[in-house]
Amino acid sequence: MPAPTTPPLPNRDPAAADDGRAATGGPAGERVVLTEVRRLPEQGRLRLTWSDGHAGELPYGYLRGWCPCAGCQGHALVVRHLPPAGEVAPETIRPVGNYAISIAWSDGHATGIYRYDYLRRLCPCEACGGPVEGEIHSADL
């Protein structure tokens, strides 16, 4: 049985994403946008595929711990990794405009809006070098 995927993302043409919040870092500073989100339940990860061809896998608990919502982070200038109390999994994943996704988690939390630039910054692969734990200053996002 193939791994479940999210509903198709809206047109992710970088030229159409004019809200200024798409990730950057593609060839010649091209805007890099999310093209696919795939659940990998056997590994407990989300695979995020980007318009520049990069694919990163983020563990469910890692991603939930970096929830950017005000309920988790408050209104500080620092975003902290707050590991969930137990195992979590995404129940629904929905696009938010042309700049983010919203994830409803199995622990009942569903208010985090994960901007593309934020997700790319969180990618823990060696090429991206995202944080494993700790904190990120909002000026670095």
N, C-alpha and C. Protein backbone atom coordinates (compact mmCIF):
# COMPACT_ATOMS: atom_id res chain seq x y z
N MET A 1 0.85 -1.18 0.00
CA MET A 1 0.00 0.00 0.00
C MET A 1 0.89 1.23 0.00
N PRO A 2 0.67 2.19 -0.93
CA PRO A 2 1.52 3.38 -0.98
C PRO A 2 1.28 4.28 0.22
N ALA A 3 2.32 5.06 0.57
CA ALA A 3 2.22 5.99 1.69
C ALA A 3 1.18 7.05 1.38
N PRO A 4 0.39 7.45 2.39
CA PRO A 4 -0.61 8.48 2.15
C PRO A 4 0.05 9.82 1.84
N THR A 5 -0.60 10.60 1.01
CA THR A 5 -0.11 11.94 0.71
C THR A 5 -1.18 12.94 1.08
N THR A 6 -0.79 14.18 1.12
CA THR A 6 -1.74 15.25 1.41
C THR A 6 -2.51 15.56 0.14
N PRO A 7 -3.60 16.32 0.26
CA PRO A 7 -4.28 16.77 -0.96
C PRO A 7 -3.28 17.56 -1.80
N PRO A 8 -3.50 17.64 -3.11
CA PRO A 8 -2.56 18.38 -3.96
C PRO A 8 -2.41 19.81 -3.47
N LEU A 9 -1.18 20.28 -3.49
CA LEU A 9 -0.92 21.66 -3.12
C LEU A 9 -1.36 22.57 -4.26
N PRO A 10 -1.79 23.78 -3.95
CA PRO A 10 -2.15 24.71 -5.02
C PRO A 10 -0.94 24.97 -5.91
N ASN A 11 -1.18 25.59 -7.05
CA ASN A 11 -0.10 25.93 -7.97
C ASN A 11 1.03 26.60 -7.20
N ARG A 12 2.19 26.03 -7.27
CA ARG A 12 3.33 26.55 -6.52
C ARG A 12 4.32 27.24 -7.43
N ASP A 13 3.82 27.87 -8.45
CA ASP A 13 4.68 28.63 -9.36
C ASP A 13 5.36 29.73 -8.55
N PRO A 14 6.69 29.73 -8.46
CA PRO A 14 7.38 30.73 -7.64
C PRO A 14 7.00 32.16 -8.02
N ALA A 15 6.72 32.42 -9.28
CA ALA A 15 6.35 33.77 -9.69
C ALA A 15 4.99 34.16 -9.14
N ALA A 16 4.15 33.17 -8.86
CA ALA A 16 2.80 33.46 -8.36
C ALA A 16 2.79 33.69 -6.85
N ALA A 17 3.82 33.24 -6.16
CA ALA A 17 3.88 33.38 -4.71
C ALA A 17 4.46 34.75 -4.38
N ASP A 18 3.59 35.74 -4.26
CA ASP A 18 4.07 37.10 -4.11
C ASP A 18 3.96 37.63 -2.70
N ASP A 19 3.79 36.76 -1.71
CA ASP A 19 3.65 37.26 -0.36
C ASP A 19 4.99 37.49 0.32
N GLY A 20 6.11 37.17 -0.36
CA GLY A 20 7.42 37.46 0.18
C GLY A 20 7.90 36.48 1.23
N ARG A 21 7.16 35.39 1.45
CA ARG A 21 7.55 34.48 2.51
C ARG A 21 7.98 33.11 2.00
N ALA A 22 8.12 32.93 0.71
CA ALA A 22 8.60 31.65 0.21
C ALA A 22 10.07 31.49 0.56
N ALA A 23 10.50 30.27 0.74
CA ALA A 23 11.90 30.01 1.04
C ALA A 23 12.75 30.44 -0.15
N THR A 24 13.97 30.83 0.13
CA THR A 24 14.89 31.19 -0.94
C THR A 24 16.07 30.25 -0.89
N GLY A 25 16.92 30.35 -1.83
CA GLY A 25 18.11 29.52 -1.80
C GLY A 25 18.25 28.66 -3.02
N GLY A 26 17.35 28.77 -3.97
CA GLY A 26 17.45 28.01 -5.20
C GLY A 26 18.50 28.64 -6.10
N PRO A 27 18.64 28.12 -7.31
CA PRO A 27 19.61 28.67 -8.24
C PRO A 27 19.39 30.17 -8.44
N ALA A 28 20.45 30.92 -8.37
CA ALA A 28 20.44 32.37 -8.58
C ALA A 28 19.40 33.07 -7.71
N GLY A 29 19.21 32.59 -6.46
CA GLY A 29 18.29 33.23 -5.54
C GLY A 29 16.82 33.00 -5.85
N GLU A 30 16.51 32.03 -6.72
CA GLU A 30 15.12 31.69 -7.05
C GLU A 30 14.34 31.40 -5.79
N ARG A 31 13.05 31.72 -5.83
CA ARG A 31 12.18 31.37 -4.71
C ARG A 31 11.98 29.85 -4.72
N VAL A 32 12.12 29.26 -3.57
CA VAL A 32 11.95 27.81 -3.44
C VAL A 32 10.66 27.58 -2.68
N VAL A 33 9.78 26.77 -3.26
CA VAL A 33 8.49 26.52 -2.65
C VAL A 33 8.26 25.02 -2.47
N LEU A 34 7.39 24.70 -1.55
CA LEU A 34 7.04 23.32 -1.25
C LEU A 34 6.16 22.78 -2.38
N THR A 35 6.52 21.61 -2.90
CA THR A 35 5.73 21.02 -3.98
C THR A 35 4.99 19.75 -3.55
N GLU A 36 5.47 19.08 -2.51
CA GLU A 36 4.78 17.87 -2.03
C GLU A 36 5.09 17.64 -0.57
N VAL A 37 4.07 17.14 0.14
CA VAL A 37 4.22 16.69 1.52
C VAL A 37 3.73 15.25 1.54
N ARG A 38 4.58 14.35 2.00
CA ARG A 38 4.20 12.93 2.04
C ARG A 38 4.43 12.38 3.44
N ARG A 39 3.40 11.74 3.97
CA ARG A 39 3.54 11.06 5.27
C ARG A 39 4.32 9.76 5.06
N LEU A 40 5.24 9.50 5.97
CA LEU A 40 5.97 8.23 5.99
C LEU A 40 5.71 7.60 7.36
N PRO A 41 4.52 7.01 7.55
CA PRO A 41 4.14 6.55 8.89
C PRO A 41 5.05 5.47 9.46
N GLU A 42 5.62 4.63 8.60
CA GLU A 42 6.50 3.57 9.10
C GLU A 42 7.75 4.16 9.75
N GLN A 43 8.21 5.31 9.24
CA GLN A 43 9.40 5.96 9.79
C GLN A 43 9.03 7.09 10.76
N GLY A 44 7.75 7.44 10.85
CA GLY A 44 7.35 8.54 11.71
C GLY A 44 7.88 9.88 11.23
N ARG A 45 7.85 10.09 9.92
CA ARG A 45 8.41 11.31 9.33
C ARG A 45 7.49 11.88 8.26
N LEU A 46 7.70 13.17 7.97
CA LEU A 46 7.10 13.81 6.81
C LEU A 46 8.22 14.06 5.82
N ARG A 47 7.98 13.71 4.57
CA ARG A 47 8.94 14.04 3.50
C ARG A 47 8.43 15.29 2.81
N LEU A 48 9.25 16.33 2.82
CA LEU A 48 8.93 17.59 2.17
C LEU A 48 9.78 17.70 0.91
N THR A 49 9.13 17.88 -0.22
CA THR A 49 9.83 18.02 -1.50
C THR A 49 9.66 19.46 -1.97
N TRP A 50 10.77 20.03 -2.43
CA TRP A 50 10.84 21.45 -2.77
C TRP A 50 11.04 21.65 -4.26
N SER A 51 10.71 22.85 -4.72
CA SER A 51 10.81 23.17 -6.15
C SER A 51 12.24 23.14 -6.68
N ASP A 52 13.24 23.18 -5.81
CA ASP A 52 14.63 23.09 -6.27
C ASP A 52 15.12 21.64 -6.30
N GLY A 53 14.20 20.68 -6.06
CA GLY A 53 14.55 19.26 -6.11
C GLY A 53 14.95 18.67 -4.77
N HIS A 54 15.18 19.49 -3.76
CA HIS A 54 15.56 18.98 -2.45
C HIS A 54 14.37 18.28 -1.80
N ALA A 55 14.64 17.18 -1.11
CA ALA A 55 13.63 16.49 -0.30
C ALA A 55 14.23 16.27 1.08
N GLY A 56 13.52 16.71 2.09
CA GLY A 56 13.97 16.53 3.46
C GLY A 56 12.93 15.75 4.23
N GLU A 57 13.39 14.98 5.20
CA GLU A 57 12.48 14.19 6.04
C GLU A 57 12.58 14.69 7.47
N LEU A 58 11.44 15.10 8.00
CA LEU A 58 11.38 15.65 9.35
C LEU A 58 10.57 14.72 10.24
N PRO A 59 11.15 14.24 11.34
CA PRO A 59 10.41 13.38 12.26
C PRO A 59 9.18 14.12 12.81
N TYR A 60 8.11 13.38 12.99
CA TYR A 60 6.87 13.97 13.49
C TYR A 60 7.10 14.76 14.79
N GLY A 61 7.72 14.14 15.77
CA GLY A 61 7.93 14.79 17.06
C GLY A 61 8.81 16.03 16.95
N TYR A 62 9.80 15.97 16.08
CA TYR A 62 10.69 17.11 15.84
C TYR A 62 9.88 18.28 15.29
N LEU A 63 9.06 18.01 14.29
CA LEU A 63 8.27 19.07 13.67
C LEU A 63 7.22 19.62 14.64
N ARG A 64 6.55 18.74 15.37
CA ARG A 64 5.57 19.19 16.37
C ARG A 64 6.25 20.04 17.43
N GLY A 65 7.47 19.67 17.82
CA GLY A 65 8.22 20.42 18.83
C GLY A 65 8.59 21.82 18.40
N TRP A 66 8.69 22.04 17.09
CA TRP A 66 9.01 23.36 16.56
C TRP A 66 7.74 24.12 16.14
N CYS A 67 6.58 23.73 16.65
CA CYS A 67 5.33 24.41 16.28
C CYS A 67 5.50 25.92 16.49
N PRO A 68 5.20 26.71 15.45
CA PRO A 68 5.42 28.15 15.54
C PRO A 68 4.25 28.95 16.13
N CYS A 69 3.17 28.30 16.53
CA CYS A 69 1.99 29.05 16.96
C CYS A 69 2.25 29.83 18.26
N ALA A 70 1.44 30.84 18.49
CA ALA A 70 1.58 31.67 19.68
C ALA A 70 1.31 30.87 20.96
N GLY A 71 0.43 29.87 20.88
CA GLY A 71 0.16 29.04 22.05
C GLY A 71 1.39 28.27 22.52
N CYS A 72 2.20 27.85 21.57
CA CYS A 72 3.42 27.11 21.90
C CYS A 72 4.60 28.06 22.17
N GLN A 73 4.69 29.10 21.38
CA GLN A 73 5.88 29.96 21.42
C GLN A 73 5.68 31.29 22.12
N GLY A 74 4.43 31.66 22.39
CA GLY A 74 4.19 32.99 22.95
C GLY A 74 4.47 34.02 21.88
N HIS A 75 4.85 35.19 22.29
CA HIS A 75 5.12 36.28 21.35
C HIS A 75 6.56 36.75 21.46
N ALA A 76 7.45 35.87 21.86
CA ALA A 76 8.85 36.21 22.03
C ALA A 76 9.55 36.28 20.68
N LEU A 77 10.75 36.78 20.69
CA LEU A 77 11.57 36.86 19.48
C LEU A 77 12.39 35.60 19.27
N VAL A 78 12.15 34.59 20.11
CA VAL A 78 12.87 33.34 20.03
C VAL A 78 11.87 32.21 19.87
N VAL A 79 12.14 31.29 18.94
CA VAL A 79 11.32 30.10 18.77
C VAL A 79 12.08 28.95 19.42
N ARG A 80 11.43 28.25 20.34
CA ARG A 80 12.09 27.17 21.09
C ARG A 80 11.52 25.81 20.67
N HIS A 81 12.39 24.81 20.72
CA HIS A 81 11.94 23.44 20.48
C HIS A 81 11.32 22.93 21.77
N LEU A 82 10.03 22.57 21.69
CA LEU A 82 9.29 22.07 22.84
C LEU A 82 8.79 20.67 22.50
N PRO A 83 9.57 19.64 22.85
CA PRO A 83 9.18 18.27 22.47
C PRO A 83 7.79 17.92 22.99
N PRO A 84 7.01 17.21 22.18
CA PRO A 84 5.68 16.80 22.64
C PRO A 84 5.78 15.80 23.80
N ALA A 85 4.71 15.72 24.59
CA ALA A 85 4.71 14.85 25.77
C ALA A 85 4.75 13.37 25.41
N GLY A 86 4.27 13.03 24.21
CA GLY A 86 4.25 11.64 23.78
C GLY A 86 4.37 11.56 22.28
N GLU A 87 4.10 10.37 21.76
CA GLU A 87 4.16 10.18 20.31
C GLU A 87 3.07 11.00 19.63
N VAL A 88 3.39 11.59 18.50
CA VAL A 88 2.41 12.36 17.72
C VAL A 88 2.52 11.96 16.26
N ALA A 89 1.45 12.22 15.54
CA ALA A 89 1.43 12.00 14.09
C ALA A 89 0.51 13.04 13.48
N PRO A 90 0.77 13.45 12.25
CA PRO A 90 -0.13 14.40 11.61
C PRO A 90 -1.42 13.71 11.20
N GLU A 91 -2.55 14.30 11.56
CA GLU A 91 -3.84 13.75 11.15
C GLU A 91 -4.30 14.39 9.85
N THR A 92 -4.14 15.70 9.73
CA THR A 92 -4.45 16.38 8.48
C THR A 92 -3.36 17.41 8.20
N ILE A 93 -3.11 17.61 6.92
CA ILE A 93 -2.15 18.61 6.47
C ILE A 93 -2.83 19.38 5.34
N ARG A 94 -2.90 20.69 5.50
CA ARG A 94 -3.60 21.51 4.51
C ARG A 94 -2.73 22.69 4.09
N PRO A 95 -2.81 23.04 2.81
CA PRO A 95 -2.09 24.24 2.37
C PRO A 95 -2.73 25.50 2.95
N VAL A 96 -1.91 26.49 3.21
CA VAL A 96 -2.36 27.80 3.64
C VAL A 96 -1.84 28.79 2.61
N GLY A 97 -2.71 29.28 1.78
CA GLY A 97 -2.30 30.19 0.71
C GLY A 97 -1.19 29.58 -0.13
N ASN A 98 -0.27 30.42 -0.55
CA ASN A 98 0.89 29.97 -1.32
C ASN A 98 2.16 30.09 -0.51
N TYR A 99 2.04 30.00 0.83
CA TYR A 99 3.23 30.24 1.64
C TYR A 99 3.41 29.30 2.82
N ALA A 100 2.44 28.41 3.11
CA ALA A 100 2.54 27.62 4.33
C ALA A 100 1.66 26.38 4.27
N ILE A 101 1.83 25.53 5.30
CA ILE A 101 0.92 24.41 5.52
C ILE A 101 0.46 24.47 6.98
N SER A 102 -0.71 23.91 7.22
CA SER A 102 -1.26 23.79 8.56
C SER A 102 -1.34 22.30 8.87
N ILE A 103 -0.91 21.93 10.06
CA ILE A 103 -0.91 20.52 10.45
C ILE A 103 -1.76 20.35 11.70
N ALA A 104 -2.72 19.43 11.65
CA ALA A 104 -3.49 19.03 12.83
C ALA A 104 -2.83 17.76 13.35
N TRP A 105 -2.37 17.80 14.58
CA TRP A 105 -1.63 16.69 15.18
C TRP A 105 -2.54 15.78 15.99
N SER A 106 -2.10 14.55 16.18
CA SER A 106 -2.87 13.54 16.92
C SER A 106 -3.04 13.88 18.39
N ASP A 107 -2.25 14.83 18.92
CA ASP A 107 -2.41 15.23 20.32
C ASP A 107 -3.46 16.33 20.47
N GLY A 108 -4.18 16.65 19.37
CA GLY A 108 -5.24 17.63 19.41
C GLY A 108 -4.80 19.03 19.04
N HIS A 109 -3.52 19.24 18.87
CA HIS A 109 -3.01 20.58 18.53
C HIS A 109 -3.14 20.81 17.03
N ALA A 110 -3.66 22.00 16.66
CA ALA A 110 -3.88 22.25 15.23
C ALA A 110 -3.76 23.73 14.86
N THR A 111 -3.07 24.53 15.67
CA THR A 111 -3.03 25.96 15.38
C THR A 111 -1.73 26.44 14.74
N GLY A 112 -0.78 25.56 14.55
CA GLY A 112 0.49 25.99 13.96
C GLY A 112 0.39 26.14 12.45
N ILE A 113 0.87 27.27 11.95
CA ILE A 113 0.99 27.49 10.51
C ILE A 113 2.48 27.51 10.20
N TYR A 114 2.93 26.51 9.45
CA TYR A 114 4.35 26.32 9.15
C TYR A 114 4.66 26.95 7.80
N ARG A 115 5.23 28.16 7.80
CA ARG A 115 5.61 28.84 6.56
C ARG A 115 6.71 28.03 5.85
N TYR A 116 6.72 28.15 4.53
CA TYR A 116 7.72 27.41 3.75
C TYR A 116 9.14 27.77 4.18
N ASP A 117 9.43 29.05 4.36
CA ASP A 117 10.78 29.44 4.74
C ASP A 117 11.15 28.85 6.10
N TYR A 118 10.18 28.77 7.00
CA TYR A 118 10.41 28.18 8.32
C TYR A 118 10.68 26.69 8.20
N LEU A 119 9.86 25.99 7.42
CA LEU A 119 10.06 24.55 7.23
C LEU A 119 11.44 24.26 6.63
N ARG A 120 11.84 25.05 5.65
CA ARG A 120 13.14 24.82 5.02
C ARG A 120 14.25 25.06 6.02
N ARG A 121 14.08 26.07 6.87
CA ARG A 121 15.08 26.37 7.90
C ARG A 121 15.17 25.23 8.91
N LEU A 122 14.05 24.54 9.14
CA LEU A 122 14.04 23.43 10.10
C LEU A 122 14.61 22.14 9.55
N CYS A 123 14.74 22.01 8.24
CA CYS A 123 15.21 20.76 7.65
C CYS A 123 16.52 20.33 8.31
N PRO A 124 16.52 19.15 8.95
CA PRO A 124 17.70 18.75 9.72
C PRO A 124 18.78 18.04 8.90
N CYS A 125 18.61 17.96 7.58
CA CYS A 125 19.61 17.25 6.78
C CYS A 125 20.93 18.01 6.79
N GLU A 126 21.98 17.34 6.42
CA GLU A 126 23.31 17.94 6.43
C GLU A 126 23.40 19.15 5.50
N ALA A 127 22.75 19.08 4.34
CA ALA A 127 22.81 20.18 3.38
C ALA A 127 22.14 21.44 3.91
N CYS A 128 21.02 21.28 4.63
CA CYS A 128 20.29 22.44 5.14
C CYS A 128 20.80 22.88 6.51
N GLY A 129 21.20 21.91 7.33
CA GLY A 129 21.77 22.23 8.64
C GLY A 129 20.81 22.82 9.65
N GLY A 130 19.55 22.41 9.61
CA GLY A 130 18.56 22.92 10.56
C GLY A 130 18.89 22.51 11.98
N PRO A 131 18.29 23.18 12.94
CA PRO A 131 18.57 22.89 14.35
C PRO A 131 17.99 21.54 14.76
N VAL A 132 18.63 20.89 15.70
CA VAL A 132 18.10 19.64 16.23
C VAL A 132 17.23 19.94 17.44
N GLU A 133 17.68 20.84 18.26
CA GLU A 133 16.91 21.28 19.43
C GLU A 133 17.41 22.66 19.80
N GLY A 134 16.91 23.21 20.87
CA GLY A 134 17.35 24.53 21.30
C GLY A 134 16.39 25.60 20.86
N GLU A 135 16.93 26.67 20.26
CA GLU A 135 16.08 27.78 19.89
C GLU A 135 16.61 28.44 18.62
N ILE A 136 15.69 29.18 17.98
CA ILE A 136 16.02 29.94 16.79
C ILE A 136 15.57 31.37 17.04
N HIS A 137 16.41 32.32 16.80
CA HIS A 137 16.01 33.72 16.94
C HIS A 137 15.21 34.11 15.71
N SER A 138 14.11 34.81 15.91
CA SER A 138 13.23 35.14 14.81
C SER A 138 13.94 35.94 13.72
N ALA A 139 14.97 36.66 14.07
CA ALA A 139 15.73 37.41 13.06
C ALA A 139 16.45 36.48 12.09
N ASP A 140 16.66 35.21 12.49
CA ASP A 140 17.34 34.24 11.65
C ASP A 140 16.37 33.52 10.71
N LEU A 141 15.08 33.77 10.87
CA LEU A 141 14.09 33.06 10.05
C LEU A 141 13.81 33.77 8.77
